[in-house]
ModelCIF file with pLDDT and N, C-alpha, C, O atoms, coordinates in Angstrom:
data_MODEL
#
_entry.id   MODEL 
#
_entity.id                         1 
_entity.type                       polymer 
_entity.pdbx_number_of_molecules   1 
#
_entity_poly.entity_id                      1 
_entity_poly.type                           'polypeptide(L)' 
_entity_poly.nstd_linkage                   no 
_entity_poly.nstd_monomer                   no 
_entity_poly.pdbx_seq_one_letter_code       DQLHIGLTGGTQEGYINIVTPKFTETSSAPLKAMATAFHLLPALLLS 
_entity_poly.pdbx_seq_one_letter_code_can   DQLHIGLTGGTQEGYINIVTPKFTETSSAPLKAMATAFHLLPALLLS 
_entity_poly.pdbx_strand_id                 A 
#
loop_
_entity_poly_seq.entity_id 
_entity_poly_seq.num 
_entity_poly_seq.mon_id 
_entity_poly_seq.hetero 
1 1  ASP n 
1 2  GLN n 
1 3  LEU n 
1 4  HIS n 
1 5  ILE n 
1 6  GLY n 
1 7  LEU n 
1 8  THR n 
1 9  GLY n 
1 10 GLY n 
1 11 THR n 
1 12 GLN n 
1 13 GLU n 
1 14 GLY n 
1 15 TYR n 
1 16 ILE n 
1 17 ASN n 
1 18 ILE n 
1 19 VAL n 
1 20 THR n 
1 21 PRO n 
1 22 LYS n 
1 23 PHE n 
1 24 THR n 
1 25 GLU n 
1 26 THR n 
1 27 SER n 
1 28 SER n 
1 29 ALA n 
1 30 PRO n 
1 31 LEU n 
1 32 LYS n 
1 33 ALA n 
1 34 MET n 
1 35 ALA n 
1 36 THR n 
1 37 ALA n 
1 38 PHE n 
1 39 HIS n 
1 40 LEU n 
1 41 LEU n 
1 42 PRO n 
1 43 ALA n 
1 44 LEU n 
1 45 LEU n 
1 46 LEU n 
1 47 SER n 
#
_struct_asym.id          A 
_struct_asym.entity_id   1 
#
loop_
_ma_qa_metric.id 
_ma_qa_metric.mode 
_ma_qa_metric.name 
_ma_qa_metric.software_group_id 
_ma_qa_metric.type 
1 global pLDDT . pLDDT 
2 local  pLDDT . pLDDT 
#
_ma_qa_metric_global.metric_id      1 
_ma_qa_metric_global.metric_value   68.53 
_ma_qa_metric_global.model_id       1 
_ma_qa_metric_global.ordinal_id     1 
#
loop_
_ma_qa_metric_local.label_asym_id 
_ma_qa_metric_local.label_comp_id 
_ma_qa_metric_local.label_seq_id 
_ma_qa_metric_local.metric_id 
_ma_qa_metric_local.metric_value 
_ma_qa_metric_local.model_id 
_ma_qa_metric_local.ordinal_id 
A ASP 1  2 97.00 1 1  
A GLN 2  2 97.00 1 2  
A LEU 3  2 97.00 1 3  
A HIS 4  2 97.00 1 4  
A ILE 5  2 97.00 1 5  
A GLY 6  2 96.00 1 6  
A LEU 7  2 96.00 1 7  
A THR 8  2 95.00 1 8  
A GLY 9  2 95.00 1 9  
A GLY 10 2 95.00 1 10 
A THR 11 2 94.00 1 11 
A GLN 12 2 92.00 1 12 
A GLU 13 2 81.00 1 13 
A GLY 14 2 72.00 1 14 
A TYR 15 2 57.00 1 15 
A ILE 16 2 60.00 1 16 
A ASN 17 2 55.00 1 17 
A ILE 18 2 63.00 1 18 
A VAL 19 2 60.00 1 19 
A THR 20 2 62.00 1 20 
A PRO 21 2 61.00 1 21 
A LYS 22 2 62.00 1 22 
A PHE 23 2 57.00 1 23 
A THR 24 2 57.00 1 24 
A GLU 25 2 54.00 1 25 
A THR 26 2 54.00 1 26 
A SER 27 2 53.00 1 27 
A SER 28 2 52.00 1 28 
A ALA 29 2 52.00 1 29 
A PRO 30 2 57.00 1 30 
A LEU 31 2 56.00 1 31 
A LYS 32 2 54.00 1 32 
A ALA 33 2 53.00 1 33 
A MET 34 2 51.00 1 34 
A ALA 35 2 54.00 1 35 
A THR 36 2 54.00 1 36 
A ALA 37 2 51.00 1 37 
A PHE 38 2 56.00 1 38 
A HIS 39 2 59.00 1 39 
A LEU 40 2 63.00 1 40 
A LEU 41 2 60.00 1 41 
A PRO 42 2 65.00 1 42 
A ALA 43 2 65.00 1 43 
A LEU 44 2 62.00 1 44 
A LEU 45 2 65.00 1 45 
A LEU 46 2 69.00 1 46 
A SER 47 2 67.00 1 47 
#
loop_
_atom_site.group_PDB 
_atom_site.id 
_atom_site.type_symbol 
_atom_site.label_atom_id 
_atom_site.label_alt_id 
_atom_site.label_comp_id 
_atom_site.label_asym_id 
_atom_site.label_entity_id 
_atom_site.label_seq_id 
_atom_site.pdbx_PDB_ins_code 
_atom_site.Cartn_x 
_atom_site.Cartn_y 
_atom_site.Cartn_z 
_atom_site.occupancy 
_atom_site.B_iso_or_equiv 
_atom_site.pdbx_formal_charge 
_atom_site.auth_seq_id 
_atom_site.auth_comp_id 
_atom_site.auth_asym_id 
_atom_site.auth_atom_id 
_atom_site.pdbx_PDB_model_num 
ATOM 1   N N  . ASP A 1 1  ? -18.576 -11.565 -10.115 1.00 97.00 ? 1  ASP A N  1 
ATOM 2   C CA . ASP A 1 1  ? -19.723 -11.586 -10.488 1.00 97.00 ? 1  ASP A CA 1 
ATOM 3   C C  . ASP A 1 1  ? -20.709 -12.713 -11.455 1.00 97.00 ? 1  ASP A C  1 
ATOM 4   O O  . ASP A 1 1  ? -21.831 -13.216 -11.388 1.00 97.00 ? 1  ASP A O  1 
ATOM 5   N N  . GLN A 1 2  ? -19.512 -12.741 -12.372 1.00 97.00 ? 2  GLN A N  1 
ATOM 6   C CA . GLN A 1 2  ? -19.542 -14.220 -13.231 1.00 97.00 ? 2  GLN A CA 1 
ATOM 7   C C  . GLN A 1 2  ? -20.279 -15.499 -12.410 1.00 97.00 ? 2  GLN A C  1 
ATOM 8   O O  . GLN A 1 2  ? -21.305 -16.103 -12.725 1.00 97.00 ? 2  GLN A O  1 
ATOM 9   N N  . LEU A 1 3  ? -19.544 -15.665 -11.441 1.00 97.00 ? 3  LEU A N  1 
ATOM 10  C CA . LEU A 1 3  ? -20.025 -16.911 -10.836 1.00 97.00 ? 3  LEU A CA 1 
ATOM 11  C C  . LEU A 1 3  ? -21.126 -16.797 -10.207 1.00 97.00 ? 3  LEU A C  1 
ATOM 12  O O  . LEU A 1 3  ? -21.892 -17.759 -10.136 1.00 97.00 ? 3  LEU A O  1 
ATOM 13  N N  . HIS A 1 4  ? -21.401 -15.648 -9.656  1.00 97.00 ? 4  HIS A N  1 
ATOM 14  C CA . HIS A 1 4  ? -23.179 -15.913 -8.993  1.00 97.00 ? 4  HIS A CA 1 
ATOM 15  C C  . HIS A 1 4  ? -23.223 -16.253 -7.832  1.00 97.00 ? 4  HIS A C  1 
ATOM 16  O O  . HIS A 1 4  ? -24.123 -16.933 -7.339  1.00 97.00 ? 4  HIS A O  1 
ATOM 17  N N  . ILE A 1 5  ? -22.075 -15.739 -7.152  1.00 97.00 ? 5  ILE A N  1 
ATOM 18  C CA . ILE A 1 5  ? -22.815 -16.762 -5.521  1.00 97.00 ? 5  ILE A CA 1 
ATOM 19  C C  . ILE A 1 5  ? -22.553 -15.203 -4.787  1.00 97.00 ? 5  ILE A C  1 
ATOM 20  O O  . ILE A 1 5  ? -22.430 -15.243 -3.562  1.00 97.00 ? 5  ILE A O  1 
ATOM 21  N N  . GLY A 1 6  ? -22.488 -14.237 -5.252  1.00 96.00 ? 6  GLY A N  1 
ATOM 22  C CA . GLY A 1 6  ? -22.783 -12.710 -4.238  1.00 96.00 ? 6  GLY A CA 1 
ATOM 23  C C  . GLY A 1 6  ? -21.092 -12.483 -3.266  1.00 96.00 ? 6  GLY A C  1 
ATOM 24  O O  . GLY A 1 6  ? -21.036 -12.478 -2.036  1.00 96.00 ? 6  GLY A O  1 
ATOM 25  N N  . LEU A 1 7  ? -19.701 -12.290 -4.328  1.00 96.00 ? 7  LEU A N  1 
ATOM 26  C CA . LEU A 1 7  ? -18.499 -12.590 -3.886  1.00 96.00 ? 7  LEU A CA 1 
ATOM 27  C C  . LEU A 1 7  ? -18.670 -10.770 -3.856  1.00 96.00 ? 7  LEU A C  1 
ATOM 28  O O  . LEU A 1 7  ? -19.348 -10.303 -4.772  1.00 96.00 ? 7  LEU A O  1 
ATOM 29  N N  . THR A 1 8  ? -18.304 -10.166 -3.231  1.00 95.00 ? 8  THR A N  1 
ATOM 30  C CA . THR A 1 8  ? -17.363 -9.030  -2.973  1.00 95.00 ? 8  THR A CA 1 
ATOM 31  C C  . THR A 1 8  ? -16.194 -8.905  -2.927  1.00 95.00 ? 8  THR A C  1 
ATOM 32  O O  . THR A 1 8  ? -15.395 -9.820  -2.726  1.00 95.00 ? 8  THR A O  1 
ATOM 33  N N  . GLY A 1 9  ? -15.790 -7.116  -3.206  1.00 95.00 ? 9  GLY A N  1 
ATOM 34  C CA . GLY A 1 9  ? -14.698 -6.962  -2.987  1.00 95.00 ? 9  GLY A CA 1 
ATOM 35  C C  . GLY A 1 9  ? -13.580 -7.106  -3.661  1.00 95.00 ? 9  GLY A C  1 
ATOM 36  O O  . GLY A 1 9  ? -12.519 -6.921  -3.066  1.00 95.00 ? 9  GLY A O  1 
ATOM 37  N N  . GLY A 1 10 ? -13.584 -7.434  -4.915  1.00 95.00 ? 10 GLY A N  1 
ATOM 38  C CA . GLY A 1 10 ? -12.579 -7.281  -6.092  1.00 95.00 ? 10 GLY A CA 1 
ATOM 39  C C  . GLY A 1 10 ? -12.610 -5.784  -6.684  1.00 95.00 ? 10 GLY A C  1 
ATOM 40  O O  . GLY A 1 10 ? -13.301 -4.906  -6.166  1.00 95.00 ? 10 GLY A O  1 
ATOM 41  N N  . THR A 1 11 ? -12.056 -5.639  -7.459  1.00 94.00 ? 11 THR A N  1 
ATOM 42  C CA . THR A 1 11 ? -11.572 -5.018  -8.105  1.00 94.00 ? 11 THR A CA 1 
ATOM 43  C C  . THR A 1 11 ? -12.397 -4.357  -9.730  1.00 94.00 ? 11 THR A C  1 
ATOM 44  O O  . THR A 1 11 ? -12.709 -4.778  -10.844 1.00 94.00 ? 11 THR A O  1 
ATOM 45  N N  . GLN A 1 12 ? -12.451 -3.079  -8.918  1.00 92.00 ? 12 GLN A N  1 
ATOM 46  C CA . GLN A 1 12 ? -13.687 -2.761  -9.827  1.00 92.00 ? 12 GLN A CA 1 
ATOM 47  C C  . GLN A 1 12 ? -12.897 -1.908  -11.135 1.00 92.00 ? 12 GLN A C  1 
ATOM 48  O O  . GLN A 1 12 ? -11.901 -1.211  -10.942 1.00 92.00 ? 12 GLN A O  1 
ATOM 49  N N  . GLU A 1 13 ? -13.649 -2.137  -12.723 1.00 81.00 ? 13 GLU A N  1 
ATOM 50  C CA . GLU A 1 13 ? -12.842 -1.631  -13.527 1.00 81.00 ? 13 GLU A CA 1 
ATOM 51  C C  . GLU A 1 13 ? -12.290 -0.171  -13.185 1.00 81.00 ? 13 GLU A C  1 
ATOM 52  O O  . GLU A 1 13 ? -12.710 0.558   -12.287 1.00 81.00 ? 13 GLU A O  1 
ATOM 53  N N  . GLY A 1 14 ? -11.013 0.170   -14.305 1.00 72.00 ? 14 GLY A N  1 
ATOM 54  C CA . GLY A 1 14 ? -10.879 1.487   -14.090 1.00 72.00 ? 14 GLY A CA 1 
ATOM 55  C C  . GLY A 1 14 ? -9.792  1.660   -13.037 1.00 72.00 ? 14 GLY A C  1 
ATOM 56  O O  . GLY A 1 14 ? -9.086  2.667   -13.014 1.00 72.00 ? 14 GLY A O  1 
ATOM 57  N N  . TYR A 1 15 ? -9.673  0.685   -12.188 1.00 57.00 ? 15 TYR A N  1 
ATOM 58  C CA . TYR A 1 15 ? -9.064  0.472   -11.261 1.00 57.00 ? 15 TYR A CA 1 
ATOM 59  C C  . TYR A 1 15 ? -7.949  0.546   -10.668 1.00 57.00 ? 15 TYR A C  1 
ATOM 60  O O  . TYR A 1 15 ? -8.167  1.700   -10.297 1.00 57.00 ? 15 TYR A O  1 
ATOM 61  N N  . ILE A 1 16 ? -6.965  0.338   -10.258 1.00 60.00 ? 16 ILE A N  1 
ATOM 62  C CA . ILE A 1 16 ? -5.626  -0.048  -9.977  1.00 60.00 ? 16 ILE A CA 1 
ATOM 63  C C  . ILE A 1 16 ? -5.900  -0.896  -8.684  1.00 60.00 ? 16 ILE A C  1 
ATOM 64  O O  . ILE A 1 16 ? -6.650  -0.631  -7.745  1.00 60.00 ? 16 ILE A O  1 
ATOM 65  N N  . ASN A 1 17 ? -5.298  -1.709  -8.834  1.00 55.00 ? 17 ASN A N  1 
ATOM 66  C CA . ASN A 1 17 ? -5.200  -2.273  -7.100  1.00 55.00 ? 17 ASN A CA 1 
ATOM 67  C C  . ASN A 1 17 ? -3.790  -2.133  -6.364  1.00 55.00 ? 17 ASN A C  1 
ATOM 68  O O  . ASN A 1 17 ? -2.977  -2.763  -7.040  1.00 55.00 ? 17 ASN A O  1 
ATOM 69  N N  . ILE A 1 18 ? -3.387  -1.760  -5.638  1.00 63.00 ? 18 ILE A N  1 
ATOM 70  C CA . ILE A 1 18 ? -1.914  -1.638  -4.931  1.00 63.00 ? 18 ILE A CA 1 
ATOM 71  C C  . ILE A 1 18 ? -1.850  -2.175  -3.643  1.00 63.00 ? 18 ILE A C  1 
ATOM 72  O O  . ILE A 1 18 ? -2.545  -1.833  -2.687  1.00 63.00 ? 18 ILE A O  1 
ATOM 73  N N  . VAL A 1 19 ? -1.053  -2.961  -3.661  1.00 60.00 ? 19 VAL A N  1 
ATOM 74  C CA . VAL A 1 19 ? -1.115  -3.694  -2.681  1.00 60.00 ? 19 VAL A CA 1 
ATOM 75  C C  . VAL A 1 19 ? 0.045   -3.286  -2.090  1.00 60.00 ? 19 VAL A C  1 
ATOM 76  O O  . VAL A 1 19 ? 1.089   -3.266  -2.741  1.00 60.00 ? 19 VAL A O  1 
ATOM 77  N N  . THR A 1 20 ? -0.011  -2.825  -0.483  1.00 62.00 ? 20 THR A N  1 
ATOM 78  C CA . THR A 1 20 ? 1.228   -2.059  0.163   1.00 62.00 ? 20 THR A CA 1 
ATOM 79  C C  . THR A 1 20 ? 1.643   -3.438  1.058   1.00 62.00 ? 20 THR A C  1 
ATOM 80  O O  . THR A 1 20 ? 1.023   -4.439  1.419   1.00 62.00 ? 20 THR A O  1 
ATOM 81  N N  . PRO A 1 21 ? 3.324   -2.841  1.253   1.00 61.00 ? 21 PRO A N  1 
ATOM 82  C CA . PRO A 1 21 ? 3.984   -4.383  2.104   1.00 61.00 ? 21 PRO A CA 1 
ATOM 83  C C  . PRO A 1 21 ? 3.410   -3.910  3.681   1.00 61.00 ? 21 PRO A C  1 
ATOM 84  O O  . PRO A 1 21 ? 3.415   -2.798  4.208   1.00 61.00 ? 21 PRO A O  1 
ATOM 85  N N  . LYS A 1 22 ? 2.936   -5.192  4.172   1.00 62.00 ? 22 LYS A N  1 
ATOM 86  C CA . LYS A 1 22 ? 2.994   -4.751  5.747   1.00 62.00 ? 22 LYS A CA 1 
ATOM 87  C C  . LYS A 1 22 ? 4.498   -4.982  6.281   1.00 62.00 ? 22 LYS A C  1 
ATOM 88  O O  . LYS A 1 22 ? 5.264   -5.905  6.006   1.00 62.00 ? 22 LYS A O  1 
ATOM 89  N N  . PHE A 1 23 ? 4.687   -3.906  7.098   1.00 57.00 ? 23 PHE A N  1 
ATOM 90  C CA . PHE A 1 23 ? 6.084   -3.775  7.873   1.00 57.00 ? 23 PHE A CA 1 
ATOM 91  C C  . PHE A 1 23 ? 5.886   -4.528  8.933   1.00 57.00 ? 23 PHE A C  1 
ATOM 92  O O  . PHE A 1 23 ? 4.703   -4.680  9.240   1.00 57.00 ? 23 PHE A O  1 
ATOM 93  N N  . THR A 1 24 ? 6.698   -5.061  9.607   1.00 57.00 ? 24 THR A N  1 
ATOM 94  C CA . THR A 1 24 ? 5.992   -5.884  10.412  1.00 57.00 ? 24 THR A CA 1 
ATOM 95  C C  . THR A 1 24 ? 7.387   -5.016  11.780  1.00 57.00 ? 24 THR A C  1 
ATOM 96  O O  . THR A 1 24 ? 8.535   -4.713  11.455  1.00 57.00 ? 24 THR A O  1 
ATOM 97  N N  . GLU A 1 25 ? 6.856   -4.844  13.040  1.00 54.00 ? 25 GLU A N  1 
ATOM 98  C CA . GLU A 1 25 ? 6.992   -4.223  14.202  1.00 54.00 ? 25 GLU A CA 1 
ATOM 99  C C  . GLU A 1 25 ? 8.793   -4.955  14.416  1.00 54.00 ? 25 GLU A C  1 
ATOM 100 O O  . GLU A 1 25 ? 8.830   -5.897  15.207  1.00 54.00 ? 25 GLU A O  1 
ATOM 101 N N  . THR A 1 26 ? 9.926   -4.623  13.876  1.00 54.00 ? 26 THR A N  1 
ATOM 102 C CA . THR A 1 26 ? 11.092  -4.818  14.998  1.00 54.00 ? 26 THR A CA 1 
ATOM 103 C C  . THR A 1 26 ? 11.872  -3.331  15.369  1.00 54.00 ? 26 THR A C  1 
ATOM 104 O O  . THR A 1 26 ? 11.701  -2.186  14.949  1.00 54.00 ? 26 THR A O  1 
ATOM 105 N N  . SER A 1 27 ? 12.724  -3.876  16.273  1.00 53.00 ? 27 SER A N  1 
ATOM 106 C CA . SER A 1 27 ? 13.814  -2.823  16.455  1.00 53.00 ? 27 SER A CA 1 
ATOM 107 C C  . SER A 1 27 ? 14.639  -2.545  16.086  1.00 53.00 ? 27 SER A C  1 
ATOM 108 O O  . SER A 1 27 ? 15.612  -2.201  16.757  1.00 53.00 ? 27 SER A O  1 
ATOM 109 N N  . SER A 1 28 ? 14.563  -2.594  14.404  1.00 52.00 ? 28 SER A N  1 
ATOM 110 C CA . SER A 1 28 ? 15.688  -2.017  13.436  1.00 52.00 ? 28 SER A CA 1 
ATOM 111 C C  . SER A 1 28 ? 15.225  -0.722  13.030  1.00 52.00 ? 28 SER A C  1 
ATOM 112 O O  . SER A 1 28 ? 14.194  -0.504  12.394  1.00 52.00 ? 28 SER A O  1 
ATOM 113 N N  . ALA A 1 29 ? 16.408  0.479   13.612  1.00 52.00 ? 29 ALA A N  1 
ATOM 114 C CA . ALA A 1 29 ? 15.871  1.925   13.401  1.00 52.00 ? 29 ALA A CA 1 
ATOM 115 C C  . ALA A 1 29 ? 15.740  2.013   11.807  1.00 52.00 ? 29 ALA A C  1 
ATOM 116 O O  . ALA A 1 29 ? 14.696  2.393   11.276  1.00 52.00 ? 29 ALA A O  1 
ATOM 117 N N  . PRO A 1 30 ? 17.181  1.531   10.889  1.00 57.00 ? 30 PRO A N  1 
ATOM 118 C CA . PRO A 1 30 ? 17.380  2.134   9.752   1.00 57.00 ? 30 PRO A CA 1 
ATOM 119 C C  . PRO A 1 30 ? 15.613  1.621   9.088   1.00 57.00 ? 30 PRO A C  1 
ATOM 120 O O  . PRO A 1 30 ? 14.981  2.535   8.560   1.00 57.00 ? 30 PRO A O  1 
ATOM 121 N N  . LEU A 1 31 ? 14.967  0.289   9.148   1.00 56.00 ? 31 LEU A N  1 
ATOM 122 C CA . LEU A 1 31 ? 14.244  -0.149  8.836   1.00 56.00 ? 31 LEU A CA 1 
ATOM 123 C C  . LEU A 1 31 ? 12.940  1.362   8.964   1.00 56.00 ? 31 LEU A C  1 
ATOM 124 O O  . LEU A 1 31 ? 12.404  1.943   8.021   1.00 56.00 ? 31 LEU A O  1 
ATOM 125 N N  . LYS A 1 32 ? 12.818  1.544   9.996   1.00 54.00 ? 32 LYS A N  1 
ATOM 126 C CA . LYS A 1 32 ? 11.702  2.785   10.445  1.00 54.00 ? 32 LYS A CA 1 
ATOM 127 C C  . LYS A 1 32 ? 12.099  4.100   9.819   1.00 54.00 ? 32 LYS A C  1 
ATOM 128 O O  . LYS A 1 32 ? 11.183  4.918   9.747   1.00 54.00 ? 32 LYS A O  1 
ATOM 129 N N  . ALA A 1 33 ? 13.322  4.488   9.334   1.00 53.00 ? 33 ALA A N  1 
ATOM 130 C CA . ALA A 1 33 ? 13.816  5.914   9.027   1.00 53.00 ? 33 ALA A CA 1 
ATOM 131 C C  . ALA A 1 33 ? 13.691  5.513   7.868   1.00 53.00 ? 33 ALA A C  1 
ATOM 132 O O  . ALA A 1 33 ? 13.327  6.528   7.273   1.00 53.00 ? 33 ALA A O  1 
ATOM 133 N N  . MET A 1 34 ? 13.764  4.510   6.970   1.00 51.00 ? 34 MET A N  1 
ATOM 134 C CA . MET A 1 34 ? 13.411  4.209   5.708   1.00 51.00 ? 34 MET A CA 1 
ATOM 135 C C  . MET A 1 34 ? 11.850  4.507   5.358   1.00 51.00 ? 34 MET A C  1 
ATOM 136 O O  . MET A 1 34 ? 11.459  5.362   4.563   1.00 51.00 ? 34 MET A O  1 
ATOM 137 N N  . ALA A 1 35 ? 11.007  3.586   6.152   1.00 54.00 ? 35 ALA A N  1 
ATOM 138 C CA . ALA A 1 35 ? 9.900   4.160   6.265   1.00 54.00 ? 35 ALA A CA 1 
ATOM 139 C C  . ALA A 1 35 ? 8.760   5.121   5.932   1.00 54.00 ? 35 ALA A C  1 
ATOM 140 O O  . ALA A 1 35 ? 7.702   5.096   5.303   1.00 54.00 ? 35 ALA A O  1 
ATOM 141 N N  . THR A 1 36 ? 9.786   6.343   6.959   1.00 54.00 ? 36 THR A N  1 
ATOM 142 C CA . THR A 1 36 ? 9.393   7.812   6.922   1.00 54.00 ? 36 THR A CA 1 
ATOM 143 C C  . THR A 1 36 ? 9.778   8.267   5.671   1.00 54.00 ? 36 THR A C  1 
ATOM 144 O O  . THR A 1 36 ? 9.071   8.927   4.910   1.00 54.00 ? 36 THR A O  1 
ATOM 145 N N  . ALA A 1 37 ? 11.165  7.817   5.432   1.00 51.00 ? 37 ALA A N  1 
ATOM 146 C CA . ALA A 1 37 ? 11.373  8.541   3.930   1.00 51.00 ? 37 ALA A CA 1 
ATOM 147 C C  . ALA A 1 37 ? 10.782  8.301   2.935   1.00 51.00 ? 37 ALA A C  1 
ATOM 148 O O  . ALA A 1 37 ? 10.598  9.131   2.044   1.00 51.00 ? 37 ALA A O  1 
ATOM 149 N N  . PHE A 1 38 ? 10.191  6.557   2.905   1.00 56.00 ? 38 PHE A N  1 
ATOM 150 C CA . PHE A 1 38 ? 9.043   6.618   1.795   1.00 56.00 ? 38 PHE A CA 1 
ATOM 151 C C  . PHE A 1 38 ? 8.084   7.123   2.101   1.00 56.00 ? 38 PHE A C  1 
ATOM 152 O O  . PHE A 1 38 ? 7.492   7.235   1.028   1.00 56.00 ? 38 PHE A O  1 
ATOM 153 N N  . HIS A 1 39 ? 7.284   7.657   3.077   1.00 59.00 ? 39 HIS A N  1 
ATOM 154 C CA . HIS A 1 39 ? 6.561   8.182   3.209   1.00 59.00 ? 39 HIS A CA 1 
ATOM 155 C C  . HIS A 1 39 ? 6.222   9.884   3.340   1.00 59.00 ? 39 HIS A C  1 
ATOM 156 O O  . HIS A 1 39 ? 5.213   10.589  3.324   1.00 59.00 ? 39 HIS A O  1 
ATOM 157 N N  . LEU A 1 40 ? 7.744   10.086  3.481   1.00 63.00 ? 40 LEU A N  1 
ATOM 158 C CA . LEU A 1 40 ? 7.493   11.588  3.171   1.00 63.00 ? 40 LEU A CA 1 
ATOM 159 C C  . LEU A 1 40 ? 7.977   11.976  1.690   1.00 63.00 ? 40 LEU A C  1 
ATOM 160 O O  . LEU A 1 40 ? 7.601   13.113  1.407   1.00 63.00 ? 40 LEU A O  1 
ATOM 161 N N  . LEU A 1 41 ? 8.609   11.434  0.800   1.00 60.00 ? 41 LEU A N  1 
ATOM 162 C CA . LEU A 1 41 ? 9.023   11.361  -0.343  1.00 60.00 ? 41 LEU A CA 1 
ATOM 163 C C  . LEU A 1 41 ? 7.896   12.029  -1.315  1.00 60.00 ? 41 LEU A C  1 
ATOM 164 O O  . LEU A 1 41 ? 8.281   12.886  -2.111  1.00 60.00 ? 41 LEU A O  1 
ATOM 165 N N  . PRO A 1 42 ? 6.698   11.716  -1.283  1.00 65.00 ? 42 PRO A N  1 
ATOM 166 C CA . PRO A 1 42 ? 5.871   12.645  -2.541  1.00 65.00 ? 42 PRO A CA 1 
ATOM 167 C C  . PRO A 1 42 ? 6.143   13.776  -1.998  1.00 65.00 ? 42 PRO A C  1 
ATOM 168 O O  . PRO A 1 42 ? 6.373   14.648  -2.837  1.00 65.00 ? 42 PRO A O  1 
ATOM 169 N N  . ALA A 1 43 ? 6.230   14.226  -0.554  1.00 65.00 ? 43 ALA A N  1 
ATOM 170 C CA . ALA A 1 43 ? 6.001   15.795  -0.437  1.00 65.00 ? 43 ALA A CA 1 
ATOM 171 C C  . ALA A 1 43 ? 7.392   16.247  -0.630  1.00 65.00 ? 43 ALA A C  1 
ATOM 172 O O  . ALA A 1 43 ? 7.367   17.330  -1.213  1.00 65.00 ? 43 ALA A O  1 
ATOM 173 N N  . LEU A 1 44 ? 8.252   15.969  -0.448  1.00 62.00 ? 44 LEU A N  1 
ATOM 174 C CA . LEU A 1 44 ? 9.639   16.019  -1.078  1.00 62.00 ? 44 LEU A CA 1 
ATOM 175 C C  . LEU A 1 44 ? 9.551   16.719  -2.764  1.00 62.00 ? 44 LEU A C  1 
ATOM 176 O O  . LEU A 1 44 ? 9.896   17.809  -3.219  1.00 62.00 ? 44 LEU A O  1 
ATOM 177 N N  . LEU A 1 45 ? 8.989   15.638  -3.303  1.00 65.00 ? 45 LEU A N  1 
ATOM 178 C CA . LEU A 1 45 ? 9.268   15.352  -4.495  1.00 65.00 ? 45 LEU A CA 1 
ATOM 179 C C  . LEU A 1 45 ? 8.048   17.048  -4.988  1.00 65.00 ? 45 LEU A C  1 
ATOM 180 O O  . LEU A 1 45 ? 8.391   18.047  -5.621  1.00 65.00 ? 45 LEU A O  1 
ATOM 181 N N  . LEU A 1 46 ? 7.357   16.882  -4.678  1.00 69.00 ? 46 LEU A N  1 
ATOM 182 C CA . LEU A 1 46 ? 6.394   17.881  -5.004  1.00 69.00 ? 46 LEU A CA 1 
ATOM 183 C C  . LEU A 1 46 ? 7.021   19.204  -4.836  1.00 69.00 ? 46 LEU A C  1 
ATOM 184 O O  . LEU A 1 46 ? 7.013   20.114  -5.665  1.00 69.00 ? 46 LEU A O  1 
ATOM 185 N N  . SER A 1 47 ? 7.500   19.208  -3.809  1.00 67.00 ? 47 SER A N  1 
ATOM 186 C CA . SER A 1 47 ? 8.854   21.030  -3.207  1.00 67.00 ? 47 SER A CA 1 
ATOM 187 C C  . SER A 1 47 ? 9.156   20.948  -4.152  1.00 67.00 ? 47 SER A C  1 
ATOM 188 O O  . SER A 1 47 ? 10.007  21.718  -4.598  1.00 67.00 ? 47 SER A O  1 
#
């Protein structure tokens, strides 16, 4: 905002900007299994 050119989309104060990795489509089964495991990790920890 201090640049005064109307840029929007920056991080708001008090928020944490988390950059998530983008998985490319591959034929690698272990990578997909690992991505699924990471996706289920919060539910598993909560249980």
